[in-house]
């Protein structure tokens, strides 16, 4: 599902910052950006190398996403951010999950906040905008979304995918998710037919995110 703040078409080519490119969703976005002629430049900000090279790809390895002072100046010439960095809430207490989800995301967003930048945030199906859900992760994600919507960006787009099938050789960093993919893969077309609003692929999600960033 897509939640729109407001719509203003991006008239220039995308110069994108991507976070989470070593993860399943971020890698999908990166691959689509590399193939898309409307994406002119890509800056990947990761804790570890992605092991890829491309003429329009740059990479910054930065360990501490809570202190971006050393790289902040390098983030100022881009007009789009695809924020796909995230962690599973499985067996995690609320304070830790809040720090790694809300605090980290908002800190990064503040470092690049400006009225000429489109911010696209990959959230999750079931996120609660009221921040009152009985599910801890849904409250924290909702709080994160609300904080982003209150910031001074050109546009903020929030994506809430459900089950995502990795494509193009991408694998999840979560072992349990890879096991689930192996189980679901034979019946994925049927599940996609039965639950079209809850199931997608890394390719389709990435294409949608890029299109929305460009067109509103």
C-alpha atoms as a PDB file:
ATOM      1  CA  UNK A   1       0.000   0.000   0.000  1.00  0.00           C
ATOM      2  CA  UNK A   2       1.182   3.531  -0.744  1.00  0.00           C
ATOM      3  CA  UNK A   3       0.487   6.501   1.503  1.00  0.00           C
ATOM      4  CA  UNK A   4       1.013   9.893  -0.058  1.00  0.00           C
ATOM      5  CA  UNK A   5       1.895  13.105   1.704  1.00  0.00           C
ATOM      6  CA  UNK A   6       1.364  15.262  -1.392  1.00  0.00           C
ATOM      7  CA  UNK A   7       2.212  15.113  -5.094  1.00  0.00           C
ATOM      8  CA  UNK A   8       4.755  17.162  -6.996  1.00  0.00           C
ATOM      9  CA  UNK A   9       6.350  15.695 -10.065  1.00  0.00           C
ATOM     10  CA  UNK A  10      10.101  15.409 -10.038  1.00  0.00           C
ATOM     11  CA  UNK A  11      11.184  17.129 -13.240  1.00  0.00           C
ATOM     12  CA  UNK A  12      14.879  16.270 -13.073  1.00  0.00           C
ATOM     13  CA  UNK A  13      16.610  12.919 -13.089  1.00  0.00           C
ATOM     14  CA  UNK A  14      16.856  11.101  -9.811  1.00  0.00           C
ATOM     15  CA  UNK A  15      20.046  11.398  -7.794  1.00  0.00           C
ATOM     16  CA  UNK A  16      19.362   8.846  -5.103  1.00  0.00           C
ATOM     17  CA  UNK A  17      20.675   7.921  -1.702  1.00  0.00           C
ATOM     18  CA  UNK A  18      19.914   4.298  -0.837  1.00  0.00           C
ATOM     19  CA  UNK A  19      20.171   2.791   2.628  1.00  0.00           C
ATOM     20  CA  UNK A  20      19.858  -0.907   3.383  1.00  0.00           C
ATOM     21  CA  UNK A  21      21.315  -1.993   0.034  1.00  0.00           C
ATOM     22  CA  UNK A  22      22.823  -5.120   1.602  1.00  0.00           C
ATOM     23  CA  UNK A  23      19.310  -6.201   2.620  1.00  0.00           C
ATOM     24  CA  UNK A  24      16.623  -7.795   0.484  1.00  0.00           C
ATOM     25  CA  UNK A  25      14.474  -4.732  -0.249  1.00  0.00           C
ATOM     26  CA  UNK A  26      17.359  -2.287  -0.523  1.00  0.00           C
ATOM     27  CA  UNK A  27      19.210  -4.570  -2.920  1.00  0.00           C
ATOM     28  CA  UNK A  28      16.093  -4.779  -5.067  1.00  0.00           C
ATOM     29  CA  UNK A  29      15.853  -0.990  -5.188  1.00  0.00           C
ATOM     30  CA  UNK A  30      19.543  -0.696  -6.038  1.00  0.00           C
ATOM     31  CA  UNK A  31      19.323  -3.144  -8.942  1.00  0.00           C
ATOM     32  CA  UNK A  32      16.318  -1.347 -10.416  1.00  0.00           C
ATOM     33  CA  UNK A  33      18.000   2.047 -10.016  1.00  0.00           C
ATOM     34  CA  UNK A  34      21.050   0.781 -11.886  1.00  0.00           C
ATOM     35  CA  UNK A  35      18.818  -0.279 -14.778  1.00  0.00           C
ATOM     36  CA  UNK A  36      16.593   2.817 -14.831  1.00  0.00           C
ATOM     37  CA  UNK A  37      17.727   5.556 -17.228  1.00  0.00           C
ATOM     38  CA  UNK A  38      15.902   8.156 -15.137  1.00  0.00           C
ATOM     39  CA  UNK A  39      18.245   7.508 -12.210  1.00  0.00           C
ATOM     40  CA  UNK A  40      21.419   9.466 -12.904  1.00  0.00           C
ATOM     41  CA  UNK A  41      23.406   8.932  -9.696  1.00  0.00           C
ATOM     42  CA  UNK A  42      23.263   6.512  -6.790  1.00  0.00           C
ATOM     43  CA  UNK A  43      24.917   6.855  -3.406  1.00  0.00           C
ATOM     44  CA  UNK A  44      24.743   3.750  -1.239  1.00  0.00           C
ATOM     45  CA  UNK A  45      25.299   4.330   2.476  1.00  0.00           C
ATOM     46  CA  UNK A  46      26.004   1.052   4.242  1.00  0.00           C
ATOM     47  CA  UNK A  47      27.769  -0.423   7.221  1.00  0.00           C
ATOM     48  CA  UNK A  48      29.502  -2.973   4.993  1.00  0.00           C
ATOM     49  CA  UNK A  49      30.435  -3.083   1.270  1.00  0.00           C
ATOM     50  CA  UNK A  50      27.886  -4.273  -1.275  1.00  0.00           C
ATOM     51  CA  UNK A  51      30.564  -5.746  -3.547  1.00  0.00           C
ATOM     52  CA  UNK A  52      29.309  -4.055  -6.715  1.00  0.00           C
ATOM     53  CA  UNK A  53      30.659  -1.452  -9.119  1.00  0.00           C
ATOM     54  CA  UNK A  54      28.853   0.662 -11.718  1.00  0.00           C
ATOM     55  CA  UNK A  55      29.552   4.002 -13.438  1.00  0.00           C
ATOM     56  CA  UNK A  56      26.698   5.762 -11.657  1.00  0.00           C
ATOM     57  CA  UNK A  57      27.217   4.067  -8.278  1.00  0.00           C
ATOM     58  CA  UNK A  58      29.104   5.511  -5.316  1.00  0.00           C
ATOM     59  CA  UNK A  59      29.413   3.917  -1.895  1.00  0.00           C
ATOM     60  CA  UNK A  60      30.036   5.221   1.612  1.00  0.00           C
ATOM     61  CA  UNK A  61      30.842   2.724   4.340  1.00  0.00           C
ATOM     62  CA  UNK A  62      29.742   4.223   7.637  1.00  0.00           C
ATOM     63  CA  UNK A  63      29.378   2.181  10.803  1.00  0.00           C
ATOM     64  CA  UNK A  64      27.452   4.556  13.063  1.00  0.00           C
ATOM     65  CA  UNK A  65      24.110   5.746  11.668  1.00  0.00           C
ATOM     66  CA  UNK A  66      23.497   7.642  14.916  1.00  0.00           C
ATOM     67  CA  UNK A  67      26.415   9.956  14.173  1.00  0.00           C
ATOM     68  CA  UNK A  68      26.502  11.106  10.549  1.00  0.00           C
ATOM     69  CA  UNK A  69      28.586  14.220  11.106  1.00  0.00           C
ATOM     70  CA  UNK A  70      31.580  12.797   9.212  1.00  0.00           C
ATOM     71  CA  UNK A  71      29.567  12.158   6.027  1.00  0.00           C
ATOM     72  CA  UNK A  72      26.740  14.718   6.251  1.00  0.00           C
ATOM     73  CA  UNK A  73      28.269  17.052   3.651  1.00  0.00           C
ATOM     74  CA  UNK A  74      28.419  14.198   1.117  1.00  0.00           C
ATOM     75  CA  UNK A  75      24.659  13.653   1.427  1.00  0.00           C
ATOM     76  CA  UNK A  76      23.559  17.150   0.422  1.00  0.00           C
ATOM     77  CA  UNK A  77      23.622  16.992  -3.397  1.00  0.00           C
ATOM     78  CA  UNK A  78      20.944  14.308  -3.834  1.00  0.00           C
ATOM     79  CA  UNK A  79      17.246  14.827  -4.557  1.00  0.00           C
ATOM     80  CA  UNK A  80      15.844  11.454  -3.472  1.00  0.00           C
ATOM     81  CA  UNK A  81      16.317   9.025  -0.606  1.00  0.00           C
ATOM     82  CA  UNK A  82      15.178   5.403  -0.722  1.00  0.00           C
ATOM     83  CA  UNK A  83      15.308   4.357   2.929  1.00  0.00           C
ATOM     84  CA  UNK A  84      15.154   0.563   3.133  1.00  0.00           C
ATOM     85  CA  UNK A  85      17.226   0.019   6.253  1.00  0.00           C
ATOM     86  CA  UNK A  86      15.400  -1.931   8.926  1.00  0.00           C
ATOM     87  CA  UNK A  87      15.495  -4.756  11.449  1.00  0.00           C
ATOM     88  CA  UNK A  88      13.112  -7.516  12.488  1.00  0.00           C
ATOM     89  CA  UNK A  89      11.312  -7.020  15.792  1.00  0.00           C
ATOM     90  CA  UNK A  90      11.502 -10.762  16.522  1.00  0.00           C
ATOM     91  CA  UNK A  91      12.648 -11.321  20.130  1.00  0.00           C
ATOM     92  CA  UNK A  92      13.467  -7.625  20.505  1.00  0.00           C
ATOM     93  CA  UNK A  93      12.284  -5.383  23.331  1.00  0.00           C
ATOM     94  CA  UNK A  94      10.497  -2.131  22.501  1.00  0.00           C
ATOM     95  CA  UNK A  95      13.270   0.219  23.583  1.00  0.00           C
ATOM     96  CA  UNK A  96      15.854  -1.531  21.411  1.00  0.00           C
ATOM     97  CA  UNK A  97      13.507  -1.773  18.436  1.00  0.00           C
ATOM     98  CA  UNK A  98      12.586   1.905  18.816  1.00  0.00           C
ATOM     99  CA  UNK A  99      16.249   2.887  18.804  1.00  0.00           C
ATOM    100  CA  UNK A 100      17.016   0.813  15.696  1.00  0.00           C
ATOM    101  CA  UNK A 101      13.854   1.836  13.846  1.00  0.00           C
ATOM    102  CA  UNK A 102      12.542   5.230  14.942  1.00  0.00           C
ATOM    103  CA  UNK A 103      15.705   6.865  16.301  1.00  0.00           C
ATOM    104  CA  UNK A 104      17.978   5.647  13.516  1.00  0.00           C
ATOM    105  CA  UNK A 105      15.590   6.551  10.686  1.00  0.00           C
ATOM    106  CA  UNK A 106      14.750   9.995  12.029  1.00  0.00           C
ATOM    107  CA  UNK A 107      18.423  10.751  12.677  1.00  0.00           C
ATOM    108  CA  UNK A 108      19.310   9.908   9.094  1.00  0.00           C
ATOM    109  CA  UNK A 109      16.348  11.879   7.745  1.00  0.00           C
ATOM    110  CA  UNK A 110      17.356  14.955   9.737  1.00  0.00           C
ATOM    111  CA  UNK A 111      20.859  14.768   8.258  1.00  0.00           C
ATOM    112  CA  UNK A 112      19.463  15.110   4.719  1.00  0.00           C
ATOM    113  CA  UNK A 113      16.296  17.117   5.411  1.00  0.00           C
ATOM    114  CA  UNK A 114      15.616  19.769   2.795  1.00  0.00           C
ATOM    115  CA  UNK A 115      12.678  21.018   0.758  1.00  0.00           C
ATOM    116  CA  UNK A 116      14.089  19.737  -2.536  1.00  0.00           C
ATOM    117  CA  UNK A 117      14.370  16.081  -1.522  1.00  0.00           C
ATOM    118  CA  UNK A 118      11.844  13.250  -1.931  1.00  0.00           C
ATOM    119  CA  UNK A 119      12.000  10.743   0.939  1.00  0.00           C
ATOM    120  CA  UNK A 120      10.689   7.207   0.342  1.00  0.00           C
ATOM    121  CA  UNK A 121      10.432   4.995   3.422  1.00  0.00           C
ATOM    122  CA  UNK A 122       9.868   1.247   3.329  1.00  0.00           C
ATOM    123  CA  UNK A 123       7.615   0.509   6.290  1.00  0.00           C
ATOM    124  CA  UNK A 124       5.432  -2.593   6.594  1.00  0.00           C
ATOM    125  CA  UNK A 125       1.907  -3.932   6.172  1.00  0.00           C
ATOM    126  CA  UNK A 126       0.017  -3.484   9.431  1.00  0.00           C
ATOM    127  CA  UNK A 127       1.836  -0.346  10.532  1.00  0.00           C
ATOM    128  CA  UNK A 128      -0.368   1.677  12.871  1.00  0.00           C
ATOM    129  CA  UNK A 129      -0.451   5.441  12.249  1.00  0.00           C
ATOM    130  CA  UNK A 130      -2.365   5.990  15.508  1.00  0.00           C
ATOM    131  CA  UNK A 131       0.601   4.523  17.415  1.00  0.00           C
ATOM    132  CA  UNK A 132      -1.848   2.627  19.672  1.00  0.00           C
ATOM    133  CA  UNK A 133      -1.603  -0.895  18.270  1.00  0.00           C
ATOM    134  CA  UNK A 134      -1.162  -3.836  20.625  1.00  0.00           C
ATOM    135  CA  UNK A 135       1.698  -4.909  18.353  1.00  0.00           C
ATOM    136  CA  UNK A 136       4.882  -3.176  19.410  1.00  0.00           C
ATOM    137  CA  UNK A 137       6.488  -3.053  15.963  1.00  0.00           C
ATOM    138  CA  UNK A 138       3.339  -1.540  14.404  1.00  0.00           C
ATOM    139  CA  UNK A 139       3.330   1.306  16.945  1.00  0.00           C
ATOM    140  CA  UNK A 140       7.022   2.043  16.412  1.00  0.00           C
ATOM    141  CA  UNK A 141       6.704   1.966  12.630  1.00  0.00           C
ATOM    142  CA  UNK A 142       3.697   4.274  12.855  1.00  0.00           C
ATOM    143  CA  UNK A 143       5.618   6.679  15.052  1.00  0.00           C
ATOM    144  CA  UNK A 144       8.460   6.636  12.512  1.00  0.00           C
ATOM    145  CA  UNK A 145       6.124   7.315   9.600  1.00  0.00           C
ATOM    146  CA  UNK A 146       4.466  10.198  11.443  1.00  0.00           C
ATOM    147  CA  UNK A 147       7.822  11.765  12.259  1.00  0.00           C
ATOM    148  CA  UNK A 148       8.885  11.623   8.610  1.00  0.00           C
ATOM    149  CA  UNK A 149       5.609  13.174   7.445  1.00  0.00           C
ATOM    150  CA  UNK A 150       6.257  16.088   9.776  1.00  0.00           C
ATOM    151  CA  UNK A 151       9.660  16.873   8.305  1.00  0.00           C
ATOM    152  CA  UNK A 152      10.479  19.478   5.667  1.00  0.00           C
ATOM    153  CA  UNK A 153      10.888  17.344   2.562  1.00  0.00           C
ATOM    154  CA  UNK A 154       9.527  18.014  -0.923  1.00  0.00           C
ATOM    155  CA  UNK A 155       7.507  14.807  -0.601  1.00  0.00           C
ATOM    156  CA  UNK A 156       7.359  11.861   1.782  1.00  0.00           C
ATOM    157  CA  UNK A 157       6.097   8.505   0.506  1.00  0.00           C
ATOM    158  CA  UNK A 158       5.500   5.562   2.832  1.00  0.00           C
ATOM    159  CA  UNK A 159       5.431   2.030   1.460  1.00  0.00           C
ATOM    160  CA  UNK A 160       3.780  -0.784   3.415  1.00  0.00           C
ATOM    161  CA  UNK A 161       4.561  -4.073   1.687  1.00  0.00           C
ATOM    162  CA  UNK A 162       3.475  -7.416   3.133  1.00  0.00           C
ATOM    163  CA  UNK A 163       5.142 -10.623   1.981  1.00  0.00           C
ATOM    164  CA  UNK A 164       7.953  -9.906  -0.481  1.00  0.00           C
ATOM    165  CA  UNK A 165       9.419 -12.502  -2.822  1.00  0.00           C
ATOM    166  CA  UNK A 166      13.093 -11.796  -3.600  1.00  0.00           C
ATOM    167  CA  UNK A 167      14.018 -11.783  -7.309  1.00  0.00           C
ATOM    168  CA  UNK A 168      17.202 -11.671  -9.392  1.00  0.00           C
ATOM    169  CA  UNK A 169      19.187 -13.843  -7.028  1.00  0.00           C
ATOM    170  CA  UNK A 170      18.526 -11.645  -3.984  1.00  0.00           C
ATOM    171  CA  UNK A 171      18.374 -13.385  -0.620  1.00  0.00           C
ATOM    172  CA  UNK A 172      17.118 -12.196   2.721  1.00  0.00           C
ATOM    173  CA  UNK A 173      19.619 -11.830   5.552  1.00  0.00           C
ATOM    174  CA  UNK A 174      17.032 -13.502   7.799  1.00  0.00           C
ATOM    175  CA  UNK A 175      17.334 -17.306   7.742  1.00  0.00           C
ATOM    176  CA  UNK A 176      13.708 -17.881   8.708  1.00  0.00           C
ATOM    177  CA  UNK A 177      12.535 -15.685   5.822  1.00  0.00           C
ATOM    178  CA  UNK A 178      14.617 -17.677   3.325  1.00  0.00           C
ATOM    179  CA  UNK A 179      13.031 -20.878   4.636  1.00  0.00           C
ATOM    180  CA  UNK A 180       9.575 -19.318   4.227  1.00  0.00           C
ATOM    181  CA  UNK A 181      10.429 -18.289   0.664  1.00  0.00           C
ATOM    182  CA  UNK A 182      11.474 -21.841  -0.197  1.00  0.00           C
ATOM    183  CA  UNK A 183       8.183 -23.163   1.149  1.00  0.00           C
ATOM    184  CA  UNK A 184       5.984 -20.538  -0.506  1.00  0.00           C
ATOM    185  CA  UNK A 185       7.784 -20.321  -3.845  1.00  0.00           C
ATOM    186  CA  UNK A 186       5.920 -23.222  -5.577  1.00  0.00           C
ATOM    187  CA  UNK A 187       2.525 -21.674  -4.805  1.00  0.00           C
ATOM    188  CA  UNK A 188       3.523 -18.017  -5.085  1.00  0.00           C
ATOM    189  CA  UNK A 189       1.437 -17.369  -8.256  1.00  0.00           C
ATOM    190  CA  UNK A 190      -1.666 -18.682  -6.459  1.00  0.00           C
ATOM    191  CA  UNK A 191      -0.988 -16.649  -3.331  1.00  0.00           C
ATOM    192  CA  UNK A 192      -0.409 -13.576  -5.459  1.00  0.00           C
ATOM    193  CA  UNK A 193      -3.781 -14.151  -7.096  1.00  0.00           C
ATOM    194  CA  UNK A 194      -5.577 -14.658  -3.777  1.00  0.00           C
ATOM    195  CA  UNK A 195      -3.860 -11.870  -1.838  1.00  0.00           C
ATOM    196  CA  UNK A 196      -2.763  -9.233  -4.383  1.00  0.00           C
ATOM    197  CA  UNK A 197      -2.654  -6.434  -1.786  1.00  0.00           C
ATOM    198  CA  UNK A 198      -0.437  -8.379   0.602  1.00  0.00           C
ATOM    199  CA  UNK A 199       2.122 -10.006  -1.693  1.00  0.00           C
ATOM    200  CA  UNK A 200       4.694  -8.530  -4.053  1.00  0.00           C
ATOM    201  CA  UNK A 201       8.254  -9.024  -5.307  1.00  0.00           C
ATOM    202  CA  UNK A 202      11.432  -7.036  -4.769  1.00  0.00           C
ATOM    203  CA  UNK A 203      11.297  -6.064  -8.446  1.00  0.00           C
ATOM    204  CA  UNK A 204       7.722  -4.772  -8.397  1.00  0.00           C
ATOM    205  CA  UNK A 205       8.244  -2.944  -5.125  1.00  0.00           C
ATOM    206  CA  UNK A 206      11.408  -1.269  -6.397  1.00  0.00           C
ATOM    207  CA  UNK A 207       9.784  -0.230  -9.677  1.00  0.00           C
ATOM    208  CA  UNK A 208       6.847   1.279  -7.761  1.00  0.00           C
ATOM    209  CA  UNK A 209       9.117   3.186  -5.395  1.00  0.00           C
ATOM    210  CA  UNK A 210      11.153   4.674  -8.249  1.00  0.00           C
ATOM    211  CA  UNK A 211       8.022   5.578 -10.233  1.00  0.00           C
ATOM    212  CA  UNK A 212       6.397   7.301  -7.273  1.00  0.00           C
ATOM    213  CA  UNK A 213       9.585   9.219  -6.512  1.00  0.00           C
ATOM    214  CA  UNK A 214       9.594  10.477 -10.100  1.00  0.00           C
ATOM    215  CA  UNK A 215       5.908  11.125 -10.690  1.00  0.00           C
ATOM    216  CA  UNK A 216       4.191  11.476  -7.337  1.00  0.00           C
END
